[in-house]
PDB file of all heavy atoms in Angstrom:
ATOM      1  N   ALA A   1     -14.608 -12.867  13.928  1.00  0.00           N
ATOM      2  CA  ALA A   1     -13.576 -12.409  14.781  1.00  0.00           C
ATOM      3  C   ALA A   1     -12.202 -12.683  14.162  1.00  0.00           C
ATOM      4  O   ALA A   1     -11.273 -11.881  14.225  1.00  0.00           O
ATOM      5  CB  ALA A   1     -13.656 -13.090  16.135  1.00  0.00           C
ATOM      6  N   ALA A   2     -12.042 -13.861  13.549  1.00  0.00           N
ATOM      7  CA  ALA A   2     -10.760 -14.266  12.940  1.00  0.00           C
ATOM      8  C   ALA A   2     -10.492 -13.280  11.717  1.00  0.00           C
ATOM      9  O   ALA A   2      -9.316 -12.908  11.534  1.00  0.00           O
ATOM     10  CB  ALA A   2     -10.862 -15.671  12.426  1.00  0.00           C
ATOM     11  N   ARG A   3     -11.478 -12.897  10.971  1.00  0.00           N
ATOM     12  CA  ARG A   3     -11.335 -11.927   9.914  1.00  0.00           C
ATOM     13  C   ARG A   3     -10.846 -10.602  10.430  1.00  0.00           C
ATOM     14  O   ARG A   3      -9.951  -9.950   9.777  1.00  0.00           O
ATOM     15  CB  ARG A   3     -12.648 -11.786   9.097  1.00  0.00           C
ATOM     16  CG  ARG A   3     -12.975 -12.936   8.270  1.00  0.00           C
ATOM     17  CD  ARG A   3     -14.419 -12.847   7.769  1.00  0.00           C
ATOM     18  NE  ARG A   3     -14.663 -11.653   7.054  1.00  0.00           N
ATOM     19  CZ  ARG A   3     -15.957 -11.155   6.843  1.00  0.00           C
ATOM     20  NH1 ARG A   3     -17.013 -11.832   7.326  1.00  0.00           N
ATOM     21  NH2 ARG A   3     -16.165 -10.049   6.249  1.00  0.00           N
ATOM     22  N   VAL A   4     -11.369 -10.137  11.538  1.00  0.00           N
ATOM     23  CA  VAL A   4     -10.983  -8.883  12.104  1.00  0.00           C
ATOM     24  C   VAL A   4      -9.466  -8.993  12.565  1.00  0.00           C
ATOM     25  O   VAL A   4      -8.689  -8.048  12.292  1.00  0.00           O
ATOM     26  CB  VAL A   4     -11.863  -8.515  13.277  1.00  0.00           C
ATOM     27  CG1 VAL A   4     -11.245  -7.290  14.032  1.00  0.00           C
ATOM     28  CG2 VAL A   4     -13.297  -8.175  12.848  1.00  0.00           C
ATOM     29  N   LEU A   5      -9.137 -10.109  13.163  1.00  0.00           N
ATOM     30  CA  LEU A   5      -7.750 -10.281  13.638  1.00  0.00           C
ATOM     31  C   LEU A   5      -6.746 -10.385  12.484  1.00  0.00           C
ATOM     32  O   LEU A   5      -5.553 -10.149  12.666  1.00  0.00           O
ATOM     33  CB  LEU A   5      -7.677 -11.483  14.586  1.00  0.00           C
ATOM     34  CG  LEU A   5      -8.445 -11.318  15.906  1.00  0.00           C
ATOM     35  CD1 LEU A   5      -8.415 -12.624  16.660  1.00  0.00           C
ATOM     36  CD2 LEU A   5      -7.835 -10.212  16.733  1.00  0.00           C
ATOM     37  N   ALA A   6      -7.256 -10.731  11.289  1.00  0.00           N
ATOM     38  CA  ALA A   6      -6.395 -10.905  10.139  1.00  0.00           C
ATOM     39  C   ALA A   6      -6.201  -9.550   9.435  1.00  0.00           C
ATOM     40  O   ALA A   6      -5.338  -9.469   8.510  1.00  0.00           O
ATOM     41  CB  ALA A   6      -6.984 -11.890   9.168  1.00  0.00           C
ATOM     42  N   LEU A   7      -6.901  -8.551   9.826  1.00  0.00           N
ATOM     43  CA  LEU A   7      -6.854  -7.258   9.156  1.00  0.00           C
ATOM     44  C   LEU A   7      -5.449  -6.621   9.216  1.00  0.00           C
ATOM     45  O   LEU A   7      -4.947  -6.113   8.227  1.00  0.00           O
ATOM     46  CB  LEU A   7      -7.843  -6.276   9.732  1.00  0.00           C
ATOM     47  CG  LEU A   7      -9.292  -6.368   9.197  1.00  0.00           C
ATOM     48  CD1 LEU A   7     -10.182  -5.401  10.013  1.00  0.00           C
ATOM     49  CD2 LEU A   7      -9.392  -6.018   7.729  1.00  0.00           C
ATOM     50  N   ARG A   8      -4.802  -6.709  10.386  1.00  0.00           N
ATOM     51  CA  ARG A   8      -3.544  -6.093  10.552  1.00  0.00           C
ATOM     52  C   ARG A   8      -2.487  -6.716   9.648  1.00  0.00           C
ATOM     53  O   ARG A   8      -1.704  -6.064   8.996  1.00  0.00           O
ATOM     54  CB  ARG A   8      -3.097  -6.133  12.027  1.00  0.00           C
ATOM     55  CG  ARG A   8      -1.790  -5.342  12.242  1.00  0.00           C
ATOM     56  CD  ARG A   8      -1.439  -5.393  13.771  1.00  0.00           C
ATOM     57  NE  ARG A   8      -2.473  -4.690  14.555  1.00  0.00           N
ATOM     58  CZ  ARG A   8      -2.465  -3.416  14.795  1.00  0.00           C
ATOM     59  NH1 ARG A   8      -1.573  -2.610  14.276  1.00  0.00           N
ATOM     60  NH2 ARG A   8      -3.405  -2.845  15.581  1.00  0.00           N
ATOM     61  N   GLU A   9      -2.560  -8.014   9.580  1.00  0.00           N
ATOM     62  CA  GLU A   9      -1.620  -8.748   8.669  1.00  0.00           C
ATOM     63  C   GLU A   9      -1.868  -8.369   7.221  1.00  0.00           C
ATOM     64  O   GLU A   9      -0.940  -8.173   6.430  1.00  0.00           O
ATOM     65  CB  GLU A   9      -1.774 -10.263   8.869  1.00  0.00           C
ATOM     66  CG  GLU A   9      -0.784 -11.054   8.069  1.00  0.00           C
ATOM     67  CD  GLU A   9      -0.900 -12.540   8.265  1.00  0.00           C
ATOM     68  OE1 GLU A   9      -1.583 -12.968   9.292  1.00  0.00           O
ATOM     69  OE2 GLU A   9      -0.368 -13.349   7.479  1.00  0.00           O
ATOM     70  N   GLU A  10      -3.173  -8.289   6.860  1.00  0.00           N
ATOM     71  CA  GLU A  10      -3.496  -7.948   5.476  1.00  0.00           C
ATOM     72  C   GLU A  10      -3.065  -6.491   5.217  1.00  0.00           C
ATOM     73  O   GLU A  10      -2.614  -6.202   4.076  1.00  0.00           O
ATOM     74  CB  GLU A  10      -5.010  -8.126   5.255  1.00  0.00           C
ATOM     75  CG  GLU A  10      -5.523  -7.646   3.916  1.00  0.00           C
ATOM     76  CD  GLU A  10      -4.959  -8.478   2.728  1.00  0.00           C
ATOM     77  OE1 GLU A  10      -4.421  -9.607   3.008  1.00  0.00           O
ATOM     78  OE2 GLU A  10      -5.063  -7.987   1.616  1.00  0.00           O
ATOM     79  N   LEU A  11      -3.268  -5.628   6.173  1.00  0.00           N
ATOM     80  CA  LEU A  11      -2.834  -4.240   5.958  1.00  0.00           C
ATOM     81  C   LEU A  11      -1.294  -4.177   5.786  1.00  0.00           C
ATOM     82  O   LEU A  11      -0.827  -3.327   4.972  1.00  0.00           O
ATOM     83  CB  LEU A  11      -3.292  -3.370   7.207  1.00  0.00           C
ATOM     84  CG  LEU A  11      -4.653  -2.837   7.166  1.00  0.00           C
ATOM     85  CD1 LEU A  11      -4.997  -2.126   8.469  1.00  0.00           C
ATOM     86  CD2 LEU A  11      -4.926  -1.866   5.994  1.00  0.00           C
ATOM     87  N   ALA A  12      -0.561  -4.978   6.534  1.00  0.00           N
ATOM     88  CA  ALA A  12       0.882  -4.907   6.419  1.00  0.00           C
ATOM     89  C   ALA A  12       1.287  -5.335   4.972  1.00  0.00           C
ATOM     90  O   ALA A  12       2.224  -4.781   4.389  1.00  0.00           O
ATOM     91  CB  ALA A  12       1.481  -5.863   7.401  1.00  0.00           C
ATOM     92  N   VAL A  13       0.599  -6.325   4.429  1.00  0.00           N
ATOM     93  CA  VAL A  13       0.919  -6.807   3.084  1.00  0.00           C
ATOM     94  C   VAL A  13       0.528  -5.662   2.124  1.00  0.00           C
ATOM     95  O   VAL A  13       1.268  -5.435   1.127  1.00  0.00           O
ATOM     96  CB  VAL A  13       0.082  -8.062   2.779  1.00  0.00           C
ATOM     97  CG1 VAL A  13       0.264  -8.437   1.274  1.00  0.00           C
ATOM     98  CG2 VAL A  13       0.607  -9.228   3.671  1.00  0.00           C
ATOM     99  N   LEU A  14      -0.607  -5.015   2.343  1.00  0.00           N
ATOM    100  CA  LEU A  14      -1.031  -3.917   1.447  1.00  0.00           C
ATOM    101  C   LEU A  14      -0.040  -2.809   1.450  1.00  0.00           C
ATOM    102  O   LEU A  14       0.208  -2.164   0.403  1.00  0.00           O
ATOM    103  CB  LEU A  14      -2.418  -3.487   1.831  1.00  0.00           C
ATOM    104  CG  LEU A  14      -3.593  -4.379   1.490  1.00  0.00           C
ATOM    105  CD1 LEU A  14      -4.858  -3.884   2.103  1.00  0.00           C
ATOM    106  CD2 LEU A  14      -3.754  -4.495  -0.034  1.00  0.00           C
ATOM    107  N   VAL A  15       0.460  -2.427   2.654  1.00  0.00           N
ATOM    108  CA  VAL A  15       1.457  -1.361   2.790  1.00  0.00           C
ATOM    109  C   VAL A  15       2.701  -1.698   1.998  1.00  0.00           C
ATOM    110  O   VAL A  15       3.235  -0.882   1.218  1.00  0.00           O
ATOM    111  CB  VAL A  15       1.822  -1.085   4.211  1.00  0.00           C
ATOM    112  CG1 VAL A  15       3.007  -0.200   4.333  1.00  0.00           C
ATOM    113  CG2 VAL A  15       0.608  -0.427   4.976  1.00  0.00           C
ATOM    114  N   ASP A  16       3.209  -2.925   2.089  1.00  0.00           N
ATOM    115  CA  ASP A  16       4.371  -3.380   1.337  1.00  0.00           C
ATOM    116  C   ASP A  16       4.059  -3.305  -0.191  1.00  0.00           C
ATOM    117  O   ASP A  16       4.959  -2.800  -0.940  1.00  0.00           O
ATOM    118  CB  ASP A  16       4.754  -4.765   1.718  1.00  0.00           C
ATOM    119  CG  ASP A  16       5.437  -4.800   3.114  1.00  0.00           C
ATOM    120  OD1 ASP A  16       5.818  -3.757   3.599  1.00  0.00           O
ATOM    121  OD2 ASP A  16       5.464  -5.934   3.679  1.00  0.00           O
ATOM    122  N   ASP A  17       2.940  -3.721  -0.607  1.00  0.00           N
ATOM    123  CA  ASP A  17       2.603  -3.696  -2.007  1.00  0.00           C
ATOM    124  C   ASP A  17       2.457  -2.303  -2.504  1.00  0.00           C
ATOM    125  O   ASP A  17       2.884  -1.990  -3.616  1.00  0.00           O
ATOM    126  CB  ASP A  17       1.306  -4.487  -2.274  1.00  0.00           C
ATOM    127  CG  ASP A  17       1.473  -5.968  -2.106  1.00  0.00           C
ATOM    128  OD1 ASP A  17       2.619  -6.424  -2.115  1.00  0.00           O
ATOM    129  OD2 ASP A  17       0.438  -6.663  -2.054  1.00  0.00           O
ATOM    130  N   ALA A  18       1.868  -1.400  -1.717  1.00  0.00           N
ATOM    131  CA  ALA A  18       1.752   0.016  -2.134  1.00  0.00           C
ATOM    132  C   ALA A  18       3.079   0.678  -2.236  1.00  0.00           C
ATOM    133  O   ALA A  18       3.310   1.477  -3.165  1.00  0.00           O
ATOM    134  CB  ALA A  18       0.826   0.760  -1.105  1.00  0.00           C
ATOM    135  N   ARG A  19       3.981   0.388  -1.311  1.00  0.00           N
ATOM    136  CA  ARG A  19       5.336   0.950  -1.369  1.00  0.00           C
ATOM    137  C   ARG A  19       6.096   0.425  -2.635  1.00  0.00           C
ATOM    138  O   ARG A  19       6.786   1.206  -3.257  1.00  0.00           O
ATOM    139  CB  ARG A  19       6.118   0.607  -0.104  1.00  0.00           C
ATOM    140  CG  ARG A  19       5.702   1.479   1.072  1.00  0.00           C
ATOM    141  CD  ARG A  19       6.375   0.938   2.361  1.00  0.00           C
ATOM    142  NE  ARG A  19       6.243   1.827   3.467  1.00  0.00           N
ATOM    143  CZ  ARG A  19       6.535   1.467   4.699  1.00  0.00           C
ATOM    144  NH1 ARG A  19       6.906   0.271   5.016  1.00  0.00           N
ATOM    145  NH2 ARG A  19       6.454   2.372   5.682  1.00  0.00           N
ATOM    146  N   SER A  20       5.897  -0.807  -2.908  1.00  0.00           N
ATOM    147  CA  SER A  20       6.554  -1.410  -4.093  1.00  0.00           C
ATOM    148  C   SER A  20       6.040  -0.762  -5.399  1.00  0.00           C
ATOM    149  O   SER A  20       6.829  -0.435  -6.272  1.00  0.00           O
ATOM    150  CB  SER A  20       6.297  -2.931  -4.117  1.00  0.00           C
ATOM    151  OG  SER A  20       6.839  -3.494  -5.250  1.00  0.00           O
ATOM    152  N   LEU A  21       4.714  -0.569  -5.390  1.00  0.00           N
ATOM    153  CA  LEU A  21       4.097   0.139  -6.568  1.00  0.00           C
ATOM    154  C   LEU A  21       4.651   1.546  -6.657  1.00  0.00           C
ATOM    155  O   LEU A  21       4.923   2.071  -7.754  1.00  0.00           O
ATOM    156  CB  LEU A  21       2.641   0.106  -6.458  1.00  0.00           C
ATOM    157  CG  LEU A  21       1.847   0.885  -7.534  1.00  0.00           C
ATOM    158  CD1 LEU A  21       2.151   0.386  -8.977  1.00  0.00           C
ATOM    159  CD2 LEU A  21       0.346   0.826  -7.304  1.00  0.00           C
ATOM    160  N   GLY A  22       4.743   2.170  -5.455  1.00  0.00           N
ATOM    161  CA  GLY A  22       5.260   3.572  -5.483  1.00  0.00           C
ATOM    162  C   GLY A  22       6.655   3.709  -6.029  1.00  0.00           C
ATOM    163  O   GLY A  22       6.917   4.647  -6.767  1.00  0.00           O
ATOM    164  N   ARG A  23       7.525   2.718  -5.625  1.00  0.00           N
ATOM    165  CA  ARG A  23       8.875   2.785  -6.174  1.00  0.00           C
ATOM    166  C   ARG A  23       8.857   2.574  -7.698  1.00  0.00           C
ATOM    167  O   ARG A  23       9.626   3.313  -8.409  1.00  0.00           O
ATOM    168  CB  ARG A  23       9.712   1.741  -5.486  1.00  0.00           C
ATOM    169  CG  ARG A  23      10.109   2.067  -4.048  1.00  0.00           C
ATOM    170  CD  ARG A  23      11.111   1.120  -3.525  1.00  0.00           C
ATOM    171  NE  ARG A  23      10.614  -0.238  -3.336  1.00  0.00           N
ATOM    172  CZ  ARG A  23      10.001  -0.679  -2.252  1.00  0.00           C
ATOM    173  NH1 ARG A  23       9.845   0.113  -1.210  1.00  0.00           N
ATOM    174  NH2 ARG A  23       9.619  -1.916  -2.149  1.00  0.00           N
ATOM    175  N   ALA A  24       8.000   1.749  -8.127  1.00  0.00           N
ATOM    176  CA  ALA A  24       7.981   1.480  -9.630  1.00  0.00           C
ATOM    177  C   ALA A  24       7.364   2.591 -10.357  1.00  0.00           C
ATOM    178  O   ALA A  24       7.563   2.842 -11.561  1.00  0.00           O
ATOM    179  CB  ALA A  24       7.185   0.218  -9.860  1.00  0.00           C
ATOM    180  N   ALA A  25       6.488   3.387  -9.690  1.00  0.00           N
ATOM    181  CA  ALA A  25       5.749   4.495 -10.378  1.00  0.00           C
ATOM    182  C   ALA A  25       6.413   5.861 -10.167  1.00  0.00           C
ATOM    183  O   ALA A  25       5.901   6.839 -10.675  1.00  0.00           O
ATOM    184  CB  ALA A  25       4.316   4.497  -9.877  1.00  0.00           C
ATOM    185  N   THR A  26       7.557   5.892  -9.479  1.00  0.00           N
ATOM    186  CA  THR A  26       8.204   7.178  -9.264  1.00  0.00           C
ATOM    187  C   THR A  26       8.414   7.980 -10.528  1.00  0.00           C
ATOM    188  O   THR A  26       8.950   7.433 -11.511  1.00  0.00           O
ATOM    189  CB  THR A  26       9.574   6.986  -8.564  1.00  0.00           C
ATOM    190  OG1 THR A  26       9.376   6.245  -7.326  1.00  0.00           O
ATOM    191  CG2 THR A  26      10.279   8.280  -8.291  1.00  0.00           C
ATOM    192  N   GLY A  27       7.998   9.245 -10.477  1.00  0.00           N
ATOM    193  CA  GLY A  27       8.213  10.151 -11.611  1.00  0.00           C
ATOM    194  C   GLY A  27       7.143   9.998 -12.673  1.00  0.00           C
ATOM    195  O   GLY A  27       7.083  10.886 -13.575  1.00  0.00           O
ATOM    196  N   GLY A  28       6.248   9.073 -12.572  1.00  0.00           N
ATOM    197  CA  GLY A  28       5.171   8.903 -13.587  1.00  0.00           C
ATOM    198  C   GLY A  28       3.891   9.392 -13.113  1.00  0.00           C
ATOM    199  O   GLY A  28       3.747  10.001 -11.962  1.00  0.00           O
ATOM    200  N   PRO A  29       2.855   9.249 -13.953  1.00  0.00           N
ATOM    201  CA  PRO A  29       1.513   9.755 -13.572  1.00  0.00           C
ATOM    202  C   PRO A  29       0.894   9.082 -12.341  1.00  0.00           C
ATOM    203  O   PRO A  29      -0.077   9.635 -11.785  1.00  0.00           O
ATOM    204  CB  PRO A  29       0.676   9.570 -14.821  1.00  0.00           C
ATOM    205  CG  PRO A  29       1.412   8.459 -15.605  1.00  0.00           C
ATOM    206  CD  PRO A  29       2.826   8.639 -15.288  1.00  0.00           C
ATOM    207  N   LEU A  30       1.381   7.933 -12.027  1.00  0.00           N
ATOM    208  CA  LEU A  30       0.820   7.210 -10.879  1.00  0.00           C
ATOM    209  C   LEU A  30       1.500   7.520  -9.518  1.00  0.00           C
ATOM    210  O   LEU A  30       1.087   7.104  -8.425  1.00  0.00           O
ATOM    211  CB  LEU A  30       0.944   5.688 -11.072  1.00  0.00           C
ATOM    212  CG  LEU A  30       0.382   5.092 -12.349  1.00  0.00           C
ATOM    213  CD1 LEU A  30       0.519   3.583 -12.368  1.00  0.00           C
ATOM    214  CD2 LEU A  30      -1.117   5.399 -12.490  1.00  0.00           C
ATOM    215  N   ASP A  31       2.561   8.306  -9.650  1.00  0.00           N
ATOM    216  CA  ASP A  31       3.409   8.578  -8.485  1.00  0.00           C
ATOM    217  C   ASP A  31       2.661   9.100  -7.264  1.00  0.00           C
ATOM    218  O   ASP A  31       2.689   8.589  -6.190  1.00  0.00           O
ATOM    219  CB  ASP A  31       4.521   9.530  -8.888  1.00  0.00           C
ATOM    220  CG  ASP A  31       5.670   9.600  -7.782  1.00  0.00           C
ATOM    221  OD1 ASP A  31       5.462   9.002  -6.769  1.00  0.00           O
ATOM    222  OD2 ASP A  31       6.696  10.256  -8.063  1.00  0.00           O
ATOM    223  N   GLY A  32       1.959  10.190  -7.495  1.00  0.00           N
ATOM    224  CA  GLY A  32       1.220  10.854  -6.365  1.00  0.00           C
ATOM    225  C   GLY A  32       0.132   9.973  -5.775  1.00  0.00           C
ATOM    226  O   GLY A  32       0.000   9.882  -4.578  1.00  0.00           O
ATOM    227  N   TYR A  33      -0.522   9.219  -6.610  1.00  0.00           N
ATOM    228  CA  TYR A  33      -1.633   8.379  -6.099  1.00  0.00           C
ATOM    229  C   TYR A  33      -1.039   7.235  -5.255  1.00  0.00           C
ATOM    230  O   TYR A  33      -1.652   6.857  -4.205  1.00  0.00           O
ATOM    231  CB  TYR A  33      -2.403   7.771  -7.268  1.00  0.00           C
ATOM    232  CG  TYR A  33      -3.023   8.841  -8.186  1.00  0.00           C
ATOM    233  CD1 TYR A  33      -2.730   8.878  -9.564  1.00  0.00           C
ATOM    234  CD2 TYR A  33      -3.880   9.799  -7.673  1.00  0.00           C
ATOM    235  CE1 TYR A  33      -3.252   9.821 -10.386  1.00  0.00           C
ATOM    236  CE2 TYR A  33      -4.418  10.792  -8.498  1.00  0.00           C
ATOM    237  CZ  TYR A  33      -4.124  10.818  -9.810  1.00  0.00           C
ATOM    238  OH  TYR A  33      -4.665  11.752 -10.640  1.00  0.00           O
ATOM    239  N   THR A  34      -0.006   6.580  -5.728  1.00  0.00           N
ATOM    240  CA  THR A  34       0.563   5.454  -4.959  1.00  0.00           C
ATOM    241  C   THR A  34       1.115   5.905  -3.606  1.00  0.00           C
ATOM    242  O   THR A  34       0.992   5.239  -2.635  1.00  0.00           O
ATOM    243  CB  THR A  34       1.664   4.776  -5.808  1.00  0.00           C
ATOM    244  OG1 THR A  34       2.681   5.748  -6.133  1.00  0.00           O
ATOM    245  CG2 THR A  34       1.060   4.201  -7.069  1.00  0.00           C
ATOM    246  N   ALA A  35       1.709   7.098  -3.640  1.00  0.00           N
ATOM    247  CA  ALA A  35       2.313   7.576  -2.357  1.00  0.00           C
ATOM    248  C   ALA A  35       1.156   7.901  -1.375  1.00  0.00           C
ATOM    249  O   ALA A  35       1.242   7.549  -0.130  1.00  0.00           O
ATOM    250  CB  ALA A  35       3.070   8.885  -2.600  1.00  0.00           C
ATOM    251  N   ALA A  36       0.103   8.531  -1.908  1.00  0.00           N
ATOM    252  CA  ALA A  36      -1.086   8.808  -1.027  1.00  0.00           C
ATOM    253  C   ALA A  36      -1.642   7.481  -0.471  1.00  0.00           C
ATOM    254  O   ALA A  36      -2.070   7.434   0.695  1.00  0.00           O
ATOM    255  CB  ALA A  36      -2.058   9.619  -1.779  1.00  0.00           C
ATOM    256  N   MET A  37      -1.775   6.477  -1.317  1.00  0.00           N
ATOM    257  CA  MET A  37      -2.352   5.193  -0.949  1.00  0.00           C
ATOM    258  C   MET A  37      -1.547   4.547   0.197  1.00  0.00           C
ATOM    259  O   MET A  37      -2.033   4.060   1.229  1.00  0.00           O
ATOM    260  CB  MET A  37      -2.490   4.253  -2.050  1.00  0.00           C
ATOM    261  CG  MET A  37      -3.106   2.938  -1.704  1.00  0.00           C
ATOM    262  SD  MET A  37      -3.575   1.936  -3.186  1.00  0.00           S
ATOM    263  CE  MET A  37      -2.001   1.704  -3.896  1.00  0.00           C
ATOM    264  N   ALA A  38      -0.148   4.619   0.015  1.00  0.00           N
ATOM    265  CA  ALA A  38       0.731   3.971   0.978  1.00  0.00           C
ATOM    266  C   ALA A  38       0.627   4.658   2.365  1.00  0.00           C
ATOM    267  O   ALA A  38       0.501   4.036   3.427  1.00  0.00           O
ATOM    268  CB  ALA A  38       2.168   4.030   0.499  1.00  0.00           C
ATOM    269  N   PHE A  39       0.593   6.014   2.366  1.00  0.00           N
ATOM    270  CA  PHE A  39       0.482   6.771   3.578  1.00  0.00           C
ATOM    271  C   PHE A  39      -0.888   6.524   4.295  1.00  0.00           C
ATOM    272  O   PHE A  39      -0.901   6.418   5.515  1.00  0.00           O
ATOM    273  CB  PHE A  39       0.727   8.281   3.354  1.00  0.00           C
ATOM    274  CG  PHE A  39       2.156   8.583   3.170  1.00  0.00           C
ATOM    275  CD1 PHE A  39       2.569   9.269   1.951  1.00  0.00           C
ATOM    276  CD2 PHE A  39       3.115   8.344   4.122  1.00  0.00           C
ATOM    277  CE1 PHE A  39       3.929   9.622   1.820  1.00  0.00           C
ATOM    278  CE2 PHE A  39       4.463   8.700   3.923  1.00  0.00           C
ATOM    279  CZ  PHE A  39       4.883   9.280   2.770  1.00  0.00           C
ATOM    280  N   ALA A  40      -1.908   6.446   3.448  1.00  0.00           N
ATOM    281  CA  ALA A  40      -3.223   6.217   4.029  1.00  0.00           C
ATOM    282  C   ALA A  40      -3.340   4.816   4.701  1.00  0.00           C
ATOM    283  O   ALA A  40      -3.939   4.670   5.778  1.00  0.00           O
ATOM    284  CB  ALA A  40      -4.292   6.331   2.998  1.00  0.00           C
TER     285      ALA A  40
END
């Protein structure tokens, strides 16, 4: 149960990390993938 309740916090961290990667990858070959990951 605790692991399930920690999912939202972990997802929030993942969203921030994906956005950070997206900013760093803008214009490069990773750009589209990182944007898709962040939105997903």
